[in-house]
Structure formats: structure tokens, C-alpha cells
């Protein structure tokens, strides 16, 4: 998915990311070899510090590549984007670094969205990559990345917004030491696409004793269509998802749950992102009222 990856990497470049020193971050790109690989010349022409590694990998899981990337990282605070099709909004780096400056134990999560009017697996089987890219081209996102909010919807793992427990995060920042404590990417997740590895990493980081959860409420990671294991219209999707969740539940003594830790909202809210905040507040109000009526804690993982 070289075209999608080009968009993702441009959204990490210094020409796109705002209010951050180009010397304050690097981008480590690890790609498993395929018949549609990224052009090395594209990477070399990006503004900023990019390092590109092409690997031969027999597995269909990204986990070996993720752990290879951890070995190559030189920074003390690492942002992990498992899926090369996830573009970012323009102030992710700035606000992630703010979180780390506030706490060495910061877990800074970027809420996830799907490009399109609904989640991509709900599109008909006739939906194409070209249609997805035409939608992106229609908003000139390179000059104002916040317009991505105008053509996207919450992903299923966080479908009720970011003011209540979130199941997954495909763009998460944490200290290198925190990733080390959880064993980096768990080598058991070798199913197609890594299975539920992103859910496992996010909750594992959030459940570390001293973690402080920061949600970059005005930012987003936006998933482009590419026919992925869980984001394409496929008759076998439900069976595959069942396998993913079975493995995930086996990794947690009491079964897997969404991370139920109170979020610290950080960053600014653009006019384009305002509806995402508004929707999150409405969903949260309903949840808070329900839990209070039943005398249940709102954020039980804070005391775990």
C-alpha cells in the first residue's frame, strides 16, 4: 500500500507537522517487502529525519517489524503507528511532546478515525482505493490537515468518543522505558495483520502503575482504505475478529477490557475537530449518568 504510506509519511514530515523543531523527532520507517513497496527516493525527499528499512518477512504479522523498529529508535519517547495507512493531523508531534514534558510516564493516545462516512468494513465490496483517495484529494488536506475531520468518522474501537473507555489506539506515544516494561510488541500476536496487537499494546501501557493517560483530543489518526484484515468488506471478517478476540482474552487473566483510566485532554481544538469533541461529551454524559445511578466507578482502572 505504497500510496497510502506516502500520505502517512508526508503527514509526519516537517512540512506538515506544526510548531515542532525538526531536530526534536525522527521517523523510523520499517516496511516488509511486497510487490508494492515504497520508493526510497520518496523517503529521502521528505523534510525531516527519516530512516527507512526494508525487510524480508514471511509472517503476515507486523509484530517482528515493530520490534525491529524499537531496536532502531534513538529517542526516549516513542510514537508507534502500526498501520502504514494512518495519516495524522498537523499538531500530533507538538502535543505528544507536551505530554512527555508533563510526565515521563505519559501515555499519549491519538483518537482513531476512518476516512469516509462510515467504517470502512461497512462499505460495499465495490468500494475502491481510488474512491478513497479522491475523497482525500477533494479537501486539499496537505494544506490543512484538520479538514480530515470533515470526511471521517470515529473508528469502531472508540465509536463513542474519547471521554470514556477506549478499546484501541493505532497511534500511541510512551517512554521507551514503558514499552520495555510491557515487553514491546508481544510475539504471540502472529495472526494476519498482527491480530489485536494494537489493542494489547495500548491497554498494557495504560495499565502500568504510574501511567498518566493523555488524549490528544483535537488530533486524529485517519485510516485510509487498503483492504486490510479488519477494515475491508469480507465475508470472513467476523470469523477473523473472533480469532483475534479469543487470543486477546487469553492474554489477560480476567479477559480483555477497554482501558478505563480517566483521560487528561491535551491540546487545542480546531473548528474542524469541534464536532468530535461535542459528540464525545454527549456520549460521556449518558455514560456518567448511568454509572452514577448504579453506584459504579467511572474510571476503575485508576485504582487498579
Protein backbone atom coordinates (compact mmCIF):
# COMPACT_ATOMS: atom_id res chain seq x y z
CA UNK A 1 0.00 0.00 0.00
CA UNK A 2 2.74 2.40 -1.07
CA UNK A 3 0.38 5.27 -1.95
CA UNK A 4 -1.30 5.21 1.46
CA UNK A 5 2.10 5.03 3.15
CA UNK A 6 3.26 8.07 1.20
CA UNK A 7 0.34 10.05 2.64
CA UNK A 8 1.11 8.78 6.14
CA UNK A 9 4.78 9.72 5.94
CA UNK A 10 4.06 13.15 4.48
CA UNK A 11 1.77 13.74 7.48
CA UNK A 12 4.80 13.09 9.71
CA UNK A 13 7.10 15.43 7.79
CA UNK A 14 8.31 18.83 8.96
CA UNK A 15 6.46 20.46 6.05
CA UNK A 16 3.17 19.25 7.56
CA UNK A 17 3.63 18.94 11.34
CA UNK A 18 3.30 22.34 13.05
CA UNK A 19 5.11 24.05 15.90
CA UNK A 20 7.85 21.49 16.46
CA UNK A 21 11.61 21.60 15.94
CA UNK A 22 12.69 19.31 13.07
CA UNK A 23 15.56 18.16 15.27
CA UNK A 24 13.20 17.13 18.08
CA UNK A 25 11.94 13.96 16.40
CA UNK A 26 12.85 11.25 13.92
CA UNK A 27 10.68 8.87 11.89
CA UNK A 28 11.74 5.23 11.65
CA UNK A 29 10.01 3.54 8.71
CA UNK A 30 10.03 -0.26 8.60
CA UNK A 31 8.42 -1.98 5.64
CA UNK A 32 8.01 -5.67 4.95
CA UNK A 33 8.88 -6.49 1.36
CA UNK A 34 5.98 -6.89 -1.08
CA UNK A 35 5.14 -6.23 -4.72
CA UNK A 36 4.14 -2.65 -3.85
CA UNK A 37 6.99 -1.22 -1.81
CA UNK A 38 7.67 2.39 -1.04
CA UNK A 39 10.17 4.23 -3.19
CA UNK A 40 13.38 5.03 -1.31
CA UNK A 41 13.62 8.29 -3.23
CA UNK A 42 10.25 9.36 -1.79
CA UNK A 43 11.57 8.94 1.75
CA UNK A 44 14.80 10.77 1.00
CA UNK A 45 12.89 13.79 -0.31
CA UNK A 46 10.72 14.22 2.80
CA UNK A 47 11.57 17.10 5.12
CA UNK A 48 12.83 15.90 8.48
CA UNK A 49 14.79 12.99 9.89
CA UNK A 50 13.55 9.83 8.20
CA UNK A 51 15.23 6.42 8.24
CA UNK A 52 13.90 3.66 6.04
CA UNK A 53 14.37 -0.09 6.45
CA UNK A 54 13.10 -2.75 4.03
CA UNK A 55 12.81 -6.26 5.46
CA UNK A 56 12.01 -9.68 4.11
CA UNK A 57 9.32 -11.16 6.35
CA UNK A 58 7.49 -14.43 5.82
CA UNK A 59 4.89 -13.74 8.51
CA UNK A 60 1.71 -11.77 7.76
CA UNK A 61 2.03 -10.10 11.19
CA UNK A 62 3.72 -6.71 11.64
CA UNK A 63 5.00 -7.67 15.12
CA UNK A 64 8.57 -8.63 14.05
CA UNK A 65 8.84 -5.37 12.09
CA UNK A 66 7.55 -3.37 15.07
CA UNK A 67 10.14 -4.86 17.40
CA UNK A 68 12.85 -4.29 14.79
CA UNK A 69 11.78 -0.62 14.73
CA UNK A 70 12.01 -0.37 18.52
CA UNK A 71 15.63 -1.54 18.27
CA UNK A 72 16.39 1.25 15.80
CA UNK A 73 14.74 4.07 17.75
CA UNK A 74 17.13 6.56 19.36
CA UNK A 75 14.59 8.67 21.24
CA UNK A 76 13.45 8.29 24.83
CA UNK A 77 9.78 8.89 23.88
CA UNK A 78 8.37 6.77 21.05
CA UNK A 79 5.23 7.07 18.97
CA UNK A 80 4.06 3.80 17.44
CA UNK A 81 1.90 3.69 14.32
CA UNK A 82 1.41 0.03 13.46
CA UNK A 83 -0.61 0.59 10.28
CA UNK A 84 1.11 2.42 7.44
CA UNK A 85 -2.25 3.71 6.21
CA UNK A 86 -2.85 6.02 9.21
CA UNK A 87 -2.38 9.70 8.41
CA UNK A 88 -2.05 12.22 11.24
CA UNK A 89 -3.40 15.70 11.90
CA UNK A 90 -0.89 18.58 11.96
CA UNK A 91 -0.06 19.03 15.66
CA UNK A 92 0.31 15.46 16.87
CA UNK A 93 4.07 15.70 17.42
CA UNK A 94 3.79 19.05 19.21
CA UNK A 95 1.14 17.85 21.63
CA UNK A 96 2.70 14.42 22.19
CA UNK A 97 5.91 16.15 23.28
CA UNK A 98 3.84 18.36 25.60
CA UNK A 99 2.53 15.21 27.27
CA UNK A 100 6.04 13.87 27.78
CA UNK A 101 7.21 17.19 29.18
CA UNK A 102 4.34 16.99 31.66
CA UNK A 103 5.15 13.43 32.74
CA UNK A 104 7.84 10.87 31.97
CA UNK A 105 5.09 8.27 32.44
CA UNK A 106 2.82 9.80 29.82
CA UNK A 107 0.81 7.57 27.52
CA UNK A 108 -0.37 9.94 24.81
CA UNK A 109 -3.05 8.48 22.58
CA UNK A 110 -4.32 9.88 19.30
CA UNK A 111 -8.01 9.06 18.67
CA UNK A 112 -8.67 6.98 15.58
CA UNK A 113 -10.95 7.74 12.64
CA UNK A 114 -11.82 6.14 9.31
CA UNK A 115 -11.82 8.14 6.10
CA UNK A 116 -15.39 8.07 4.75
CA UNK A 117 -18.93 8.40 6.04
CA UNK A 118 -18.83 5.04 7.85
CA UNK A 119 -16.34 2.46 9.00
CA UNK A 120 -14.55 1.02 6.02
CA UNK A 121 -15.60 -2.60 6.54
CA UNK A 122 -19.22 -1.42 6.20
CA UNK A 123 -18.64 -0.15 2.67
CA UNK A 124 -19.84 -2.35 -0.15
CA UNK A 125 -17.35 -4.70 -1.76
CA UNK A 126 -17.28 -2.30 -4.71
CA UNK A 127 -15.64 0.48 -2.68
CA UNK A 128 -12.14 1.12 -4.04
CA UNK A 129 -8.84 2.67 -3.09
CA UNK A 130 -9.35 5.20 -5.90
CA UNK A 131 -12.62 6.43 -4.38
CA UNK A 132 -10.92 6.83 -1.02
CA UNK A 133 -8.07 8.85 -2.49
CA UNK A 134 -10.48 11.03 -4.49
CA UNK A 135 -12.19 11.91 -1.24
CA UNK A 136 -8.83 12.91 0.23
CA UNK A 137 -7.90 14.94 -2.84
CA UNK A 138 -11.18 16.85 -2.61
CA UNK A 139 -10.18 18.57 0.66
CA UNK A 140 -6.54 19.50 -0.13
CA UNK A 141 -5.51 18.00 3.21
CA UNK A 142 -1.83 18.78 2.63
CA UNK A 143 -2.52 22.48 3.25
CA UNK A 144 -4.97 21.98 6.13
CA UNK A 145 -4.83 18.53 7.69
CA UNK A 146 -7.67 19.31 10.08
CA UNK A 147 -10.07 19.05 7.17
CA UNK A 148 -9.61 15.28 7.51
CA UNK A 149 -12.21 15.51 10.29
CA UNK A 150 -14.74 16.67 7.68
CA UNK A 151 -14.53 13.42 5.72
CA UNK A 152 -14.13 10.86 8.52
CA UNK A 153 -15.96 9.02 11.28
CA UNK A 154 -14.97 7.51 14.64
CA UNK A 155 -13.43 4.05 14.35
CA UNK A 156 -15.32 1.18 15.96
CA UNK A 157 -12.93 0.73 18.88
CA UNK A 158 -13.69 4.29 20.01
CA UNK A 159 -17.11 4.77 18.46
CA UNK A 160 -18.48 6.70 21.46
CA UNK A 161 -15.65 9.21 21.52
CA UNK A 162 -12.68 9.81 23.74
CA UNK A 163 -14.32 10.70 27.08
CA UNK A 164 -15.00 7.10 28.00
CA UNK A 165 -13.04 3.81 27.91
CA UNK A 166 -11.35 3.33 24.57
CA UNK A 167 -10.56 -0.11 23.26
CA UNK A 168 -7.78 0.57 20.81
CA UNK A 169 -5.21 3.07 19.67
CA UNK A 170 -3.24 2.77 16.46
CA UNK A 171 -1.08 5.81 17.22
CA UNK A 172 0.25 5.86 20.78
CA UNK A 173 3.24 7.59 22.39
CA UNK A 174 5.06 6.42 25.52
CA UNK A 175 8.53 6.38 27.03
CA UNK A 176 10.96 3.79 25.70
CA UNK A 177 11.16 2.52 29.29
CA UNK A 178 7.39 1.96 29.33
CA UNK A 179 7.47 -0.07 26.13
CA UNK A 180 10.31 -2.07 27.62
CA UNK A 181 8.24 -2.83 30.73
CA UNK A 182 5.47 -4.38 28.64
CA UNK A 183 7.93 -6.37 26.52
CA UNK A 184 7.49 -4.19 23.43
CA UNK A 185 5.18 -5.89 20.86
CA UNK A 186 4.11 -9.30 22.17
CA UNK A 187 5.48 -12.00 19.86
CA UNK A 188 2.35 -14.15 20.39
CA UNK A 189 0.34 -11.88 18.08
CA UNK A 190 1.24 -13.52 14.79
CA UNK A 191 -2.21 -13.70 13.20
CA UNK A 192 -2.92 -11.80 9.98
CA UNK A 193 -2.27 -8.10 10.43
CA UNK A 194 -0.98 -8.76 13.95
CA UNK A 195 -4.43 -9.68 15.21
CA UNK A 196 -5.33 -7.41 18.12
CA UNK A 197 -1.76 -6.34 18.88
CA UNK A 198 -2.66 -2.62 18.87
CA UNK A 199 -5.37 -3.21 21.49
CA UNK A 200 -2.95 -5.22 23.61
CA UNK A 201 -0.16 -2.64 23.50
CA UNK A 202 -2.47 0.27 24.31
CA UNK A 203 -4.05 -1.37 27.36
CA UNK A 204 -0.69 -2.75 28.55
CA UNK A 205 0.83 0.73 28.52
CA UNK A 206 -2.23 2.26 30.17
CA UNK A 207 -2.24 -0.33 32.96
CA UNK A 208 1.33 0.37 34.05
CA UNK A 209 1.13 1.55 37.65
CA UNK A 210 2.42 5.10 37.15
CA UNK A 211 0.98 5.78 33.69
CA UNK A 212 -0.81 9.06 33.03
CA UNK A 213 -3.21 8.89 30.12
CA UNK A 214 -3.24 11.93 27.84
CA UNK A 215 -5.73 12.09 24.98
CA UNK A 216 -4.84 14.46 22.15
CA UNK A 217 -8.48 15.41 21.75
CA UNK A 218 -8.08 17.83 18.85
CA UNK A 219 -5.87 15.49 16.84
CA UNK A 220 -6.54 12.27 14.98
CA UNK A 221 -5.07 9.32 13.13
CA UNK A 222 -7.06 8.76 9.96
CA UNK A 223 -7.22 5.34 8.37
CA UNK A 224 -7.13 5.13 4.59
CA UNK A 225 -8.82 2.25 2.81
CA UNK A 226 -6.43 -0.51 1.74
CA UNK A 227 -8.31 -3.80 2.09
CA UNK A 228 -6.81 -4.57 5.50
CA UNK A 229 -7.53 -7.62 7.64
CA UNK A 230 -10.24 -5.92 9.71
CA UNK A 231 -11.16 -2.85 7.65
CA UNK A 232 -12.34 -4.38 4.39
CA UNK A 233 -15.70 -5.80 3.33
CA UNK A 234 -15.07 -9.53 3.70
CA UNK A 235 -17.40 -12.43 4.45
CA UNK A 236 -14.72 -13.96 6.66
CA UNK A 237 -14.25 -10.82 8.76
CA UNK A 238 -16.45 -11.95 11.66
CA UNK A 239 -14.59 -15.26 11.96
CA UNK A 240 -11.27 -13.45 11.85
CA UNK A 241 -12.35 -10.95 14.50
CA UNK A 242 -13.47 -13.82 16.72
CA UNK A 243 -9.97 -15.36 16.46
CA UNK A 244 -8.40 -12.00 17.31
CA UNK A 245 -10.53 -11.54 20.42
CA UNK A 246 -10.04 -15.12 21.58
CA UNK A 247 -6.28 -14.65 21.52
CA UNK A 248 -6.54 -11.24 23.19
CA UNK A 249 -8.72 -12.55 26.01
CA UNK A 250 -6.23 -15.33 26.67
CA UNK A 251 -3.54 -12.72 27.35
CA UNK A 252 -5.46 -11.10 30.22
CA UNK A 253 -6.31 -13.05 33.42
CA UNK A 254 -9.87 -11.72 33.57
CA UNK A 255 -10.30 -11.29 29.84
CA UNK A 256 -9.65 -8.14 27.83
CA UNK A 257 -11.41 -4.86 28.57
CA UNK A 258 -11.10 -1.36 27.19
CA UNK A 259 -8.76 0.89 29.19
CA UNK A 260 -10.89 2.50 31.92
CA UNK A 261 -8.49 5.22 33.05
CA UNK A 262 -9.52 8.87 33.31
CA UNK A 263 -8.11 10.78 30.33
CA UNK A 264 -6.30 14.10 30.57
CA UNK A 265 -7.33 16.07 27.49
CA UNK A 266 -4.40 17.92 25.98
CA UNK A 267 -4.01 20.25 23.02
CA UNK A 268 -6.14 22.66 21.06
CA UNK A 269 -9.46 22.02 19.29
CA UNK A 270 -9.73 23.31 15.74
CA UNK A 271 -13.12 24.25 14.32
CA UNK A 272 -12.96 21.11 12.18
CA UNK A 273 -12.39 18.87 15.23
CA UNK A 274 -15.06 20.56 17.35
CA UNK A 275 -17.80 18.10 16.39
CA UNK A 276 -15.67 15.16 17.59
CA UNK A 277 -15.36 16.83 21.00
CA UNK A 278 -19.06 17.67 21.09
CA UNK A 279 -20.07 14.11 20.24
CA UNK A 280 -17.65 12.74 22.85
CA UNK A 281 -19.22 14.97 25.51
CA UNK A 282 -22.73 13.81 24.66
CA UNK A 283 -21.78 10.14 24.84
CA UNK A 284 -19.86 10.74 28.09
CA UNK A 285 -22.82 12.46 29.76
CA UNK A 286 -25.00 9.43 29.16
CA UNK A 287 -22.34 7.06 30.50
CA UNK A 288 -21.61 9.12 33.61
CA UNK A 289 -25.30 9.33 34.50
CA UNK A 290 -25.78 5.59 34.06
CA UNK A 291 -22.78 4.62 36.20
CA UNK A 292 -23.63 7.10 38.96
CA UNK A 293 -27.20 5.80 39.07
CA UNK A 294 -25.83 2.29 39.59
CA UNK A 295 -23.18 3.45 42.10
CA UNK A 296 -20.32 2.21 39.93
CA UNK A 297 -16.90 3.85 39.48
CA UNK A 298 -16.41 5.85 36.31
CA UNK A 299 -12.70 5.08 35.92
CA UNK A 300 -12.00 1.80 37.79
CA UNK A 301 -8.54 1.25 36.29
CA UNK A 302 -7.23 4.35 38.09
CA UNK A 303 -7.25 2.28 41.30
CA UNK A 304 -6.03 -0.99 39.79
